[in-house]
Amino acid sequence: MPITEALLEESRDRLTRMVALLGFEAEISASDQEDTISLNLKTEDAGRLIGRKGHCLQSLELLLDRMLRKNHHNVTLRPEAWD
């Protein structure tokens, strides 16, 4: 199943809501990279969002991946400061 613009928008919206509920403000962009949904986060609080050893980021990625699993695509989160 190809990644559609609607699926990218749904992914971006869900992550935006999750991040807002955690008390963060972030700009999120979504793209299709080889059958993987890549979500890029730009926030001033990237360290807290990533967490110790990346645990918070991995947890967010897992939750979002499970929410979108019905579409059979992997999800990758990339905070700007993670590079």
Protein backbone atom coordinates (compact mmCIF):
# COMPACT_ATOMS: atom_id res chain seq x y z
CA MET A 1 0.00 0.00 0.00
CA PRO A 2 1.60 3.32 -1.04
CA ILE A 3 1.99 6.18 1.39
CA THR A 4 -0.59 8.82 0.49
CA GLU A 5 -0.68 12.50 1.34
CA ALA A 6 -3.69 11.76 3.60
CA LEU A 7 -1.64 9.21 5.57
CA LEU A 8 1.23 11.67 5.95
CA GLU A 9 -1.23 14.30 7.19
CA GLU A 10 -2.82 11.85 9.64
CA SER A 11 0.63 10.92 10.97
CA ARG A 12 1.63 14.56 11.37
CA ASP A 13 -1.66 15.42 13.11
CA ARG A 14 -1.44 12.52 15.54
CA LEU A 15 2.15 13.31 16.49
CA THR A 16 1.31 17.00 16.87
CA ARG A 17 -1.45 16.10 19.31
CA MET A 18 0.76 13.65 21.24
CA VAL A 19 3.56 16.21 21.57
CA ALA A 20 1.11 18.95 22.63
CA LEU A 21 -0.39 16.69 25.30
CA LEU A 22 3.13 16.21 26.68
CA GLY A 23 3.49 19.99 26.94
CA PHE A 24 5.86 20.58 24.00
CA GLU A 25 5.58 23.00 21.12
CA ALA A 26 7.02 21.61 17.91
CA GLU A 27 6.90 22.12 14.18
CA ILE A 28 6.36 18.75 12.52
CA SER A 29 6.82 17.86 8.87
CA ALA A 30 6.16 14.49 7.27
CA SER A 31 7.70 12.78 4.27
CA ASP A 32 7.74 9.42 2.53
CA GLN A 33 11.15 7.73 2.57
CA GLU A 34 11.26 4.29 0.97
CA ASP A 35 7.96 2.99 2.34
CA THR A 36 8.62 4.59 5.75
CA ILE A 37 6.82 7.60 7.18
CA SER A 38 9.49 10.02 8.36
CA LEU A 39 8.36 12.73 10.78
CA ASN A 40 10.78 15.58 11.48
CA LEU A 41 10.36 17.55 14.69
CA LYS A 42 11.69 21.03 15.28
CA THR A 43 11.47 22.13 18.91
CA GLU A 44 13.48 24.19 21.36
CA ASP A 45 13.10 21.40 23.92
CA ALA A 46 14.52 18.53 21.86
CA GLY A 47 16.59 17.14 24.75
CA ARG A 48 13.53 16.55 26.91
CA LEU A 49 11.58 15.16 23.97
CA ILE A 50 14.38 12.71 23.16
CA GLY A 51 14.88 11.71 26.79
CA ARG A 52 17.71 9.81 28.41
CA LYS A 53 19.30 7.47 25.87
CA GLY A 54 16.44 8.22 23.47
CA HIS A 55 13.82 6.40 25.53
CA CYS A 56 11.08 9.05 25.26
CA LEU A 57 11.60 9.34 21.52
CA GLN A 58 11.49 5.54 21.10
CA SER A 59 8.27 5.38 23.12
CA LEU A 60 6.60 8.07 20.99
CA GLU A 61 7.75 6.30 17.84
CA LEU A 62 6.37 2.96 19.08
CA LEU A 63 2.99 4.43 20.01
CA LEU A 64 2.61 6.26 16.72
CA ASP A 65 3.75 3.19 14.80
CA ARG A 66 1.08 1.08 16.51
CA MET A 67 -1.63 3.67 15.84
CA LEU A 68 -0.75 3.68 12.16
CA ARG A 69 0.04 -0.03 11.84
CA LYS A 70 -3.21 -0.69 9.98
CA ASN A 71 -1.47 0.94 7.01
CA HIS A 72 1.53 -1.42 7.17
CA HIS A 73 4.18 1.31 7.14
CA ASN A 74 7.01 1.95 9.57
CA VAL A 75 7.31 5.30 11.33
CA THR A 76 10.56 7.13 12.08
CA LEU A 77 10.81 10.26 14.26
CA ARG A 78 13.73 12.63 13.71
CA PRO A 79 14.15 15.57 16.10
CA GLU A 80 16.22 18.33 14.56
CA ALA A 81 18.81 18.15 17.38
CA TRP A 82 19.19 14.36 16.98
CA ASP A 83 21.40 14.65 13.87
